[in-house]
Amino acid sequence: SDDVVVLVNKATLQVKAPNLSRIYGTANPLLIETITGLQNGDTTSVISGSPVLATAATKTSPSGNYLINVDVSSMTSANYEFTGVGGLLSITQAAPVITWENPAAIIYGTALSAMQLNAITSVAGSFVFTPTLGNILHAGSGQTLSVVFTPTDTLNYATVNATTTLSVNQASLIITADNKTMVSGQAVPALTAVGSGFVSPDTLADLDMRAVLTTTATNSSATGVSPILVSGASDSDYAISYVNGTMTITAGGGGGNSASSGSSSGGGKCGLGGGFGVMVFAFLFVIHFAFVRRREKVHPKKRR
């Protein structure tokens, strides 16, 4: 029989680079290859040399995709040959870290300022707050403030947002009843009040529950002073206290005066004694007569 020569070719091992990703500004991850195609229970111990994996990406490289190349030129084996398969390194945008501590509580009526809207980050860019500067929040605890940060470098940094909470305490409001005066026997005047501590443009009419004004005075009350009580108001934005007022009741006028007890019974309407009244009448008569005579002397009547 003739001898047969069998040529056994080397098997091909595939040396593949990984597909990886990292965040902009961080170091490249380790580049570790994967070898496939080993036969008959062989292990990588049958391989001499090592592949070289490399990429052009550095820590400061901008966001994007970068090839990972595989160099197998230094790898040898009696039964294998090698082929390299490249991978891909993706550099993604970094998310800026926003620092924003919960601000101290404010009082209703305090406009939002940089004391509350003070988020910061180490990346250049702009902040948009909600609510915005100058807004006045209603009273309440744990209210949410939010911000959207847009970086100047939108290639390497992502737009991010953050929130914090702010408590707004009630403002102090004093409602004072107006003092009033009335005449005994007449109608009780309308009761009114004023508020001190309102945040513009709030008024008494804007309260959730309006103030109630009452008094014990009536149109038949005797002269003196009665209280005007104020109560019943409420509003979520105000801590309300009250100052009561007074209703001063004065004596009414009218009615003629009675004759003096010391005068005679013949007194006239003015309440003068009889004798004195006669004297006054006589005096007035003499003056009238003298005036008439003088007028006739200056302007004599025409005779018919």
Protein backbone atom coordinates (compact mmCIF):
# COMPACT_ATOMS: atom_id res chain seq x y z
CA SER A 1 0.00 0.00 0.00
CA ASP A 2 1.07 3.56 -0.59
CA ASP A 3 1.67 5.99 2.25
CA VAL A 4 -0.76 8.95 2.41
CA VAL A 5 0.47 12.29 3.53
CA VAL A 6 -2.15 14.32 5.40
CA LEU A 7 -1.56 18.03 5.69
CA VAL A 8 -3.11 19.43 8.88
CA ASN A 9 -3.48 23.19 8.70
CA LYS A 10 -3.40 25.35 11.76
CA ALA A 11 -6.74 26.34 13.25
CA THR A 12 -7.55 30.00 13.44
CA LEU A 13 -8.01 31.65 16.80
CA GLN A 14 -10.05 34.85 16.90
CA VAL A 15 -8.67 37.47 19.24
CA LYS A 16 -11.48 39.95 19.79
CA ALA A 17 -11.33 43.33 21.50
CA PRO A 18 -14.30 44.21 23.76
CA ASN A 19 -16.94 46.86 23.16
CA LEU A 20 -16.69 49.29 26.07
CA SER A 21 -18.01 52.66 27.20
CA ARG A 22 -16.94 55.29 29.65
CA ILE A 23 -17.93 58.81 30.73
CA TYR A 24 -16.17 61.86 29.36
CA GLY A 25 -13.28 62.95 31.58
CA THR A 26 -12.65 59.50 33.09
CA ALA A 27 -9.82 57.06 32.36
CA ASN A 28 -10.11 54.36 29.75
CA PRO A 29 -11.23 50.98 31.09
CA LEU A 30 -8.93 47.95 30.86
CA LEU A 31 -8.80 46.51 27.34
CA ILE A 32 -9.05 42.73 27.73
CA GLU A 33 -9.34 40.49 24.70
CA THR A 34 -11.47 37.41 24.25
CA ILE A 35 -9.93 34.39 22.44
CA THR A 36 -12.24 31.91 20.72
CA GLY A 37 -11.59 28.83 18.51
CA LEU A 38 -9.44 26.59 20.74
CA GLN A 39 -9.77 22.88 19.78
CA ASN A 40 -9.55 19.49 21.49
CA GLY A 41 -9.58 20.89 25.01
CA ASP A 42 -6.66 23.19 24.43
CA THR A 43 -6.20 26.20 26.69
CA THR A 44 -4.44 29.49 26.17
CA SER A 45 -1.32 27.82 27.56
CA VAL A 46 -0.56 26.59 24.02
CA ILE A 47 -0.16 30.22 22.95
CA SER A 48 3.05 32.17 23.17
CA GLY A 49 3.03 35.94 23.26
CA SER A 50 0.12 38.29 23.91
CA PRO A 51 -2.10 40.53 21.82
CA VAL A 52 -1.74 44.27 22.07
CA LEU A 53 -5.02 46.21 22.37
CA ALA A 54 -4.97 49.99 21.91
CA THR A 55 -7.25 52.95 21.23
CA ALA A 56 -6.63 56.55 20.28
CA ALA A 57 -8.99 57.77 23.01
CA THR A 58 -7.50 59.53 26.01
CA LYS A 59 -9.00 60.90 29.18
CA THR A 60 -9.57 64.29 27.57
CA SER A 61 -10.97 62.96 24.30
CA PRO A 62 -14.40 64.37 23.47
CA SER A 63 -17.55 62.29 23.48
CA GLY A 64 -17.86 59.87 20.58
CA ASN A 65 -16.89 56.37 19.39
CA TYR A 66 -13.28 55.20 19.16
CA LEU A 67 -11.90 51.97 17.64
CA ILE A 68 -10.05 49.48 19.80
CA ASN A 69 -7.40 47.86 17.59
CA VAL A 70 -5.93 44.38 18.14
CA ASP A 71 -2.31 43.56 17.19
CA VAL A 72 -1.67 39.77 17.17
CA SER A 73 1.76 39.89 15.53
CA SER A 74 3.57 38.71 18.66
CA MET A 75 1.32 35.67 19.19
CA THR A 76 2.52 32.18 18.11
CA SER A 77 1.34 28.60 18.48
CA ALA A 78 2.20 25.24 16.88
CA ASN A 79 -1.39 24.48 16.02
CA TYR A 80 -2.99 27.90 15.68
CA GLU A 81 -2.80 31.07 13.72
CA PHE A 82 -4.37 34.29 14.87
CA THR A 83 -6.69 36.99 13.56
CA GLY A 84 -7.57 40.14 15.41
CA VAL A 85 -11.11 41.62 15.60
CA GLY A 86 -11.37 45.23 16.73
CA GLY A 87 -13.83 46.62 19.27
CA LEU A 88 -15.41 49.98 20.02
CA LEU A 89 -14.98 52.41 22.92
CA SER A 90 -17.88 54.83 23.36
CA ILE A 91 -17.28 58.00 25.36
CA THR A 92 -20.57 59.35 26.68
CA GLN A 93 -21.51 62.78 28.04
CA ALA A 94 -20.72 63.52 31.65
CA ALA A 95 -23.56 64.60 33.94
CA PRO A 96 -22.57 67.75 35.87
CA VAL A 97 -23.07 67.44 39.60
CA ILE A 98 -25.36 70.14 40.99
CA THR A 99 -24.89 71.17 44.61
CA TRP A 100 -28.00 72.79 46.12
CA GLU A 101 -28.62 72.65 49.84
CA ASN A 102 -32.09 73.20 51.27
CA PRO A 103 -32.36 76.96 51.95
CA ALA A 104 -33.47 78.40 55.29
CA ALA A 105 -37.20 79.03 55.74
CA ILE A 106 -38.58 82.40 54.68
CA ILE A 107 -41.72 84.37 55.59
CA TYR A 108 -44.64 84.81 53.21
CA GLY A 109 -44.05 88.00 51.28
CA THR A 110 -40.31 87.41 50.86
CA ALA A 111 -39.46 87.34 47.15
CA LEU A 112 -37.24 84.49 45.98
CA SER A 113 -33.64 85.64 45.62
CA ALA A 114 -30.15 84.26 45.23
CA MET A 115 -30.36 83.26 48.88
CA GLN A 116 -32.74 80.47 47.86
CA LEU A 117 -31.98 79.97 44.15
CA ASN A 118 -28.28 79.28 44.64
CA ALA A 119 -27.53 75.96 42.96
CA ILE A 120 -23.92 75.60 41.79
CA THR A 121 -21.83 73.23 39.66
CA SER A 122 -18.19 73.09 38.61
CA VAL A 123 -19.10 73.08 34.90
CA ALA A 124 -19.69 76.27 32.91
CA GLY A 125 -23.29 76.79 31.89
CA SER A 126 -26.60 78.41 32.80
CA PHE A 127 -29.35 77.73 35.34
CA VAL A 128 -33.10 78.13 34.85
CA PHE A 129 -35.02 78.06 38.14
CA THR A 130 -38.68 77.31 38.75
CA PRO A 131 -40.17 79.39 40.35
CA THR A 132 -38.01 82.23 39.11
CA LEU A 133 -36.28 85.06 40.94
CA GLY A 134 -38.69 87.59 42.41
CA ASN A 135 -41.61 85.19 42.83
CA ILE A 136 -43.54 85.22 46.12
CA LEU A 137 -44.62 81.78 47.29
CA HIS A 138 -47.65 81.09 49.44
CA ALA A 139 -47.02 79.82 52.94
CA GLY A 140 -46.38 76.10 53.25
CA SER A 141 -43.66 73.65 54.25
CA GLY A 142 -41.53 71.52 51.96
CA GLN A 143 -42.27 73.39 48.74
CA THR A 144 -40.30 72.18 45.72
CA LEU A 145 -37.82 74.41 43.94
CA SER A 146 -36.35 73.04 40.72
CA VAL A 147 -33.55 73.94 38.34
CA VAL A 148 -32.44 72.92 34.86
CA PHE A 149 -28.73 73.30 34.14
CA THR A 150 -27.59 73.60 30.51
CA PRO A 151 -23.82 73.29 30.05
CA THR A 152 -21.92 75.52 27.69
CA ASP A 153 -20.12 72.44 26.33
CA THR A 154 -23.12 70.43 25.13
CA LEU A 155 -20.91 67.89 23.34
CA ASN A 156 -19.26 66.54 26.47
CA TYR A 157 -21.78 67.44 29.16
CA ALA A 158 -25.45 66.59 29.47
CA THR A 159 -28.27 68.89 30.53
CA VAL A 160 -29.26 67.98 34.07
CA ASN A 161 -31.84 69.05 36.65
CA ALA A 162 -32.15 69.09 40.41
CA THR A 163 -34.64 69.96 43.12
CA THR A 164 -34.62 71.19 46.69
CA THR A 165 -37.30 72.11 49.22
CA LEU A 166 -38.17 75.41 50.88
CA SER A 167 -40.53 76.18 53.75
CA VAL A 168 -42.47 79.45 53.72
CA ASN A 169 -43.82 80.52 57.12
CA GLN A 170 -46.97 82.56 57.63
CA ALA A 171 -46.67 86.33 57.88
CA SER A 172 -47.99 88.09 60.99
CA LEU A 173 -51.21 90.03 60.44
CA ILE A 174 -52.92 92.26 63.02
CA ILE A 175 -56.58 93.14 62.45
CA THR A 176 -57.66 96.18 64.45
CA ALA A 177 -61.27 97.24 64.88
CA ASP A 178 -61.82 100.95 64.20
CA ASN A 179 -63.10 102.96 67.17
CA LYS A 180 -66.56 104.41 66.59
CA THR A 181 -68.84 107.06 68.12
CA MET A 182 -72.64 107.08 68.08
CA VAL A 183 -75.46 109.10 69.58
CA SER A 184 -77.75 107.34 72.01
CA GLY A 185 -81.07 106.64 70.35
CA GLN A 186 -79.63 106.59 66.84
CA ALA A 187 -78.58 103.68 64.64
CA VAL A 188 -75.35 101.85 65.33
CA PRO A 189 -72.75 102.90 62.71
CA ALA A 190 -71.16 100.38 60.38
CA LEU A 191 -68.28 98.50 62.00
CA THR A 192 -64.96 98.55 60.16
CA ALA A 193 -61.41 97.33 60.69
CA VAL A 194 -57.91 97.73 59.28
CA GLY A 195 -55.15 95.15 58.75
CA SER A 196 -51.48 95.70 59.52
CA GLY A 197 -48.92 93.37 57.98
CA PHE A 198 -50.52 92.59 54.63
CA VAL A 199 -48.32 91.55 51.72
CA SER A 200 -49.20 93.77 48.76
CA PRO A 201 -51.69 93.61 47.12
CA ASP A 202 -53.56 91.53 49.75
CA THR A 203 -56.43 93.17 51.64
CA LEU A 204 -58.98 92.14 54.24
CA ALA A 205 -61.28 91.16 51.40
CA ASP A 206 -58.74 88.59 50.16
CA LEU A 207 -58.64 86.53 53.37
CA ASP A 208 -59.87 82.95 53.16
CA MET A 209 -62.32 83.81 55.97
CA ARG A 210 -63.09 87.45 56.58
CA ALA A 211 -63.05 89.06 60.01
CA VAL A 212 -66.31 89.29 61.97
CA LEU A 213 -67.02 92.54 63.86
CA THR A 214 -69.58 92.70 66.65
CA THR A 215 -70.59 95.13 69.42
CA THR A 216 -72.97 95.03 72.35
CA ALA A 217 -74.08 98.60 71.60
CA THR A 218 -77.61 99.12 70.23
CA ASN A 219 -79.69 102.17 69.36
CA SER A 220 -81.16 102.02 72.84
CA SER A 221 -77.84 101.81 74.67
CA ALA A 222 -77.20 104.38 77.39
CA THR A 223 -74.28 106.75 77.18
CA GLY A 224 -70.93 105.13 77.86
CA VAL A 225 -68.45 102.85 76.11
CA SER A 226 -69.12 99.41 74.60
CA PRO A 227 -66.53 97.06 73.11
CA ILE A 228 -66.18 96.34 69.40
CA LEU A 229 -64.95 92.77 69.08
CA VAL A 230 -63.08 91.39 66.05
CA SER A 231 -62.51 87.68 65.39
CA GLY A 232 -63.11 84.84 62.95
CA ALA A 233 -60.59 85.66 60.21
CA SER A 234 -58.33 82.99 58.78
CA ASP A 235 -55.92 82.63 55.89
CA SER A 236 -53.28 80.06 54.98
CA ASP A 237 -50.69 82.80 54.40
CA TYR A 238 -51.16 84.68 57.70
CA ALA A 239 -50.91 84.13 61.43
CA ILE A 240 -53.69 86.48 62.57
CA SER A 241 -54.09 88.37 65.86
CA TYR A 242 -56.71 90.94 66.84
CA VAL A 243 -57.05 94.30 68.56
CA ASN A 244 -60.59 95.18 69.69
CA GLY A 245 -62.07 98.66 69.41
CA THR A 246 -64.58 100.76 71.38
CA MET A 247 -67.99 102.25 70.66
CA THR A 248 -68.42 105.57 72.48
CA ILE A 249 -72.10 106.43 73.03
CA THR A 250 -72.88 110.10 73.59
CA ALA A 251 -76.06 111.84 74.81
CA GLY A 252 -78.57 112.98 72.16
CA GLY A 253 -79.64 116.70 71.63
CA GLY A 254 -83.23 118.26 71.19
CA GLY A 255 -86.18 119.31 73.52
CA GLY A 256 -86.75 122.91 74.85
CA ASN A 257 -85.41 123.90 78.23
CA SER A 258 -87.96 124.28 81.04
CA ALA A 259 -88.43 127.66 82.77
CA SER A 260 -86.16 128.47 85.64
CA SER A 261 -87.65 127.45 88.96
CA GLY A 262 -86.96 130.92 90.29
CA SER A 263 -88.92 132.78 87.56
CA SER A 264 -92.48 134.08 87.78
CA SER A 265 -95.37 132.24 86.14
CA GLY A 266 -95.68 134.85 83.36
CA GLY A 267 -92.33 133.99 81.76
CA GLY A 268 -92.04 134.20 77.95
CA LYS A 269 -90.70 131.60 75.46
CA CYS A 270 -87.12 132.50 76.21
CA GLY A 271 -87.66 131.52 79.79
CA LEU A 272 -87.28 135.12 81.14
CA GLY A 273 -89.09 136.38 84.26
CA GLY A 274 -92.30 138.44 83.70
CA GLY A 275 -90.95 141.80 84.90
CA PHE A 276 -87.74 141.50 82.92
CA GLY A 277 -89.72 140.54 79.82
CA VAL A 278 -91.86 143.71 80.03
CA MET A 279 -88.73 145.83 80.25
CA VAL A 280 -87.23 144.23 77.17
CA PHE A 281 -90.47 144.70 75.23
CA ALA A 282 -90.67 148.41 76.13
CA PHE A 283 -87.03 148.95 75.13
CA LEU A 284 -87.54 147.33 71.74
CA PHE A 285 -90.71 149.39 71.15
CA VAL A 286 -88.91 152.68 71.79
CA ILE A 287 -86.11 151.75 69.35
CA HIS A 288 -88.61 150.76 66.68
CA PHE A 289 -90.57 154.01 67.05
CA ALA A 290 -87.42 156.13 66.81
CA PHE A 291 -86.31 154.30 63.65
CA VAL A 292 -89.67 154.84 61.95
CA ARG A 293 -89.66 158.59 62.73
CA ARG A 294 -86.15 158.95 61.37
CA ARG A 295 -87.05 157.19 58.14
CA GLU A 296 -90.07 159.43 57.56
CA LYS A 297 -87.93 162.49 58.15
CA VAL A 298 -85.33 161.38 55.59
CA HIS A 299 -87.78 159.91 53.08
CA PRO A 300 -91.18 161.69 53.60
CA LYS A 301 -94.20 159.93 52.14
CA LYS A 302 -95.79 161.47 49.01
CA ARG A 303 -99.24 162.85 49.54
CA ARG A 304 -101.94 161.88 47.08
